[in-house]
């Protein structure tokens, strides 16, 4: 089994190298308000943000 750290580094490499720039920028535009407009001191749930991002990416890459 591949260690999680290695998996994450491989995924990050392909994410930044092969994701079309317009989709990447749209994804950033989708997620960043959750961090900037957060009035509470807690950051949004990483699981919730990943689910939101995956849903967006699946839809964007299908088009």
C-alpha atoms as a PDB file:
ATOM      1  CA  UNK A   1       0.000   0.000   0.000  1.00  0.00           C
ATOM      2  CA  UNK A   2       1.272   3.459  -0.899  1.00  0.00           C
ATOM      3  CA  UNK A   3       1.641   5.847   2.058  1.00  0.00           C
ATOM      4  CA  UNK A   4      -0.979   8.619   2.113  1.00  0.00           C
ATOM      5  CA  UNK A   5       1.688  11.313   1.916  1.00  0.00           C
ATOM      6  CA  UNK A   6       3.020   9.836  -1.332  1.00  0.00           C
ATOM      7  CA  UNK A   7      -0.503   9.535  -2.755  1.00  0.00           C
ATOM      8  CA  UNK A   8      -1.228  13.162  -1.876  1.00  0.00           C
ATOM      9  CA  UNK A   9       1.986  14.407  -3.473  1.00  0.00           C
ATOM     10  CA  UNK A  10       1.287  12.474  -6.685  1.00  0.00           C
ATOM     11  CA  UNK A  11      -2.289  13.774  -6.776  1.00  0.00           C
ATOM     12  CA  UNK A  12      -1.140  17.363  -6.205  1.00  0.00           C
ATOM     13  CA  UNK A  13       1.377  17.069  -9.019  1.00  0.00           C
ATOM     14  CA  UNK A  14      -1.266  15.972 -11.516  1.00  0.00           C
ATOM     15  CA  UNK A  15      -3.851  18.391 -10.147  1.00  0.00           C
ATOM     16  CA  UNK A  16      -1.636  21.423 -10.776  1.00  0.00           C
ATOM     17  CA  UNK A  17      -0.048  20.148 -13.977  1.00  0.00           C
ATOM     18  CA  UNK A  18      -3.039  18.811 -15.911  1.00  0.00           C
ATOM     19  CA  UNK A  19      -6.156  20.522 -14.606  1.00  0.00           C
ATOM     20  CA  UNK A  20      -7.215  23.153 -17.155  1.00  0.00           C
ATOM     21  CA  UNK A  21      -6.498  26.630 -15.831  1.00  0.00           C
ATOM     22  CA  UNK A  22     -10.072  27.867 -16.259  1.00  0.00           C
ATOM     23  CA  UNK A  23     -11.416  24.945 -14.205  1.00  0.00           C
ATOM     24  CA  UNK A  24      -8.713  25.485 -11.571  1.00  0.00           C
ATOM     25  CA  UNK A  25      -9.597  29.182 -11.263  1.00  0.00           C
ATOM     26  CA  UNK A  26     -13.319  28.394 -11.066  1.00  0.00           C
ATOM     27  CA  UNK A  27     -12.626  25.866  -8.322  1.00  0.00           C
ATOM     28  CA  UNK A  28     -10.619  28.424  -6.345  1.00  0.00           C
ATOM     29  CA  UNK A  29     -13.436  30.954  -6.823  1.00  0.00           C
ATOM     30  CA  UNK A  30     -15.892  28.392  -5.479  1.00  0.00           C
ATOM     31  CA  UNK A  31     -13.913  27.418  -2.376  1.00  0.00           C
ATOM     32  CA  UNK A  32     -12.178  30.591  -1.236  1.00  0.00           C
ATOM     33  CA  UNK A  33     -15.336  32.390  -0.022  1.00  0.00           C
ATOM     34  CA  UNK A  34     -15.851  29.617   2.527  1.00  0.00           C
ATOM     35  CA  UNK A  35     -12.534  30.616   4.094  1.00  0.00           C
ATOM     36  CA  UNK A  36     -12.691  34.405   3.631  1.00  0.00           C
ATOM     37  CA  UNK A  37     -16.310  34.991   4.688  1.00  0.00           C
ATOM     38  CA  UNK A  38     -16.101  32.660   7.638  1.00  0.00           C
ATOM     39  CA  UNK A  39     -17.190  34.685  10.674  1.00  0.00           C
ATOM     40  CA  UNK A  40     -16.478  31.924  13.132  1.00  0.00           C
ATOM     41  CA  UNK A  41     -12.936  31.087  14.139  1.00  0.00           C
ATOM     42  CA  UNK A  42     -13.231  27.529  12.823  1.00  0.00           C
ATOM     43  CA  UNK A  43     -12.367  26.718   9.251  1.00  0.00           C
ATOM     44  CA  UNK A  44     -14.918  24.825   7.157  1.00  0.00           C
ATOM     45  CA  UNK A  45     -14.827  21.060   7.438  1.00  0.00           C
ATOM     46  CA  UNK A  46     -12.144  19.652   5.106  1.00  0.00           C
ATOM     47  CA  UNK A  47     -14.468  16.738   4.287  1.00  0.00           C
ATOM     48  CA  UNK A  48     -17.215  19.148   3.280  1.00  0.00           C
ATOM     49  CA  UNK A  49     -14.818  21.177   1.107  1.00  0.00           C
ATOM     50  CA  UNK A  50     -13.460  18.042  -0.593  1.00  0.00           C
ATOM     51  CA  UNK A  51     -16.990  16.817  -1.356  1.00  0.00           C
ATOM     52  CA  UNK A  52     -17.903  20.221  -2.794  1.00  0.00           C
ATOM     53  CA  UNK A  53     -14.727  20.299  -4.897  1.00  0.00           C
ATOM     54  CA  UNK A  54     -15.192  16.755  -6.205  1.00  0.00           C
ATOM     55  CA  UNK A  55     -18.768  17.487  -7.183  1.00  0.00           C
ATOM     56  CA  UNK A  56     -17.644  20.630  -9.022  1.00  0.00           C
ATOM     57  CA  UNK A  57     -14.696  18.890 -10.742  1.00  0.00           C
ATOM     58  CA  UNK A  58     -16.796  15.931 -11.873  1.00  0.00           C
ATOM     59  CA  UNK A  59     -19.307  18.296 -13.447  1.00  0.00           C
ATOM     60  CA  UNK A  60     -16.690  20.623 -14.962  1.00  0.00           C
ATOM     61  CA  UNK A  61     -14.599  17.824 -16.450  1.00  0.00           C
ATOM     62  CA  UNK A  62     -17.658  16.108 -17.949  1.00  0.00           C
ATOM     63  CA  UNK A  63     -18.367  19.215 -20.062  1.00  0.00           C
END
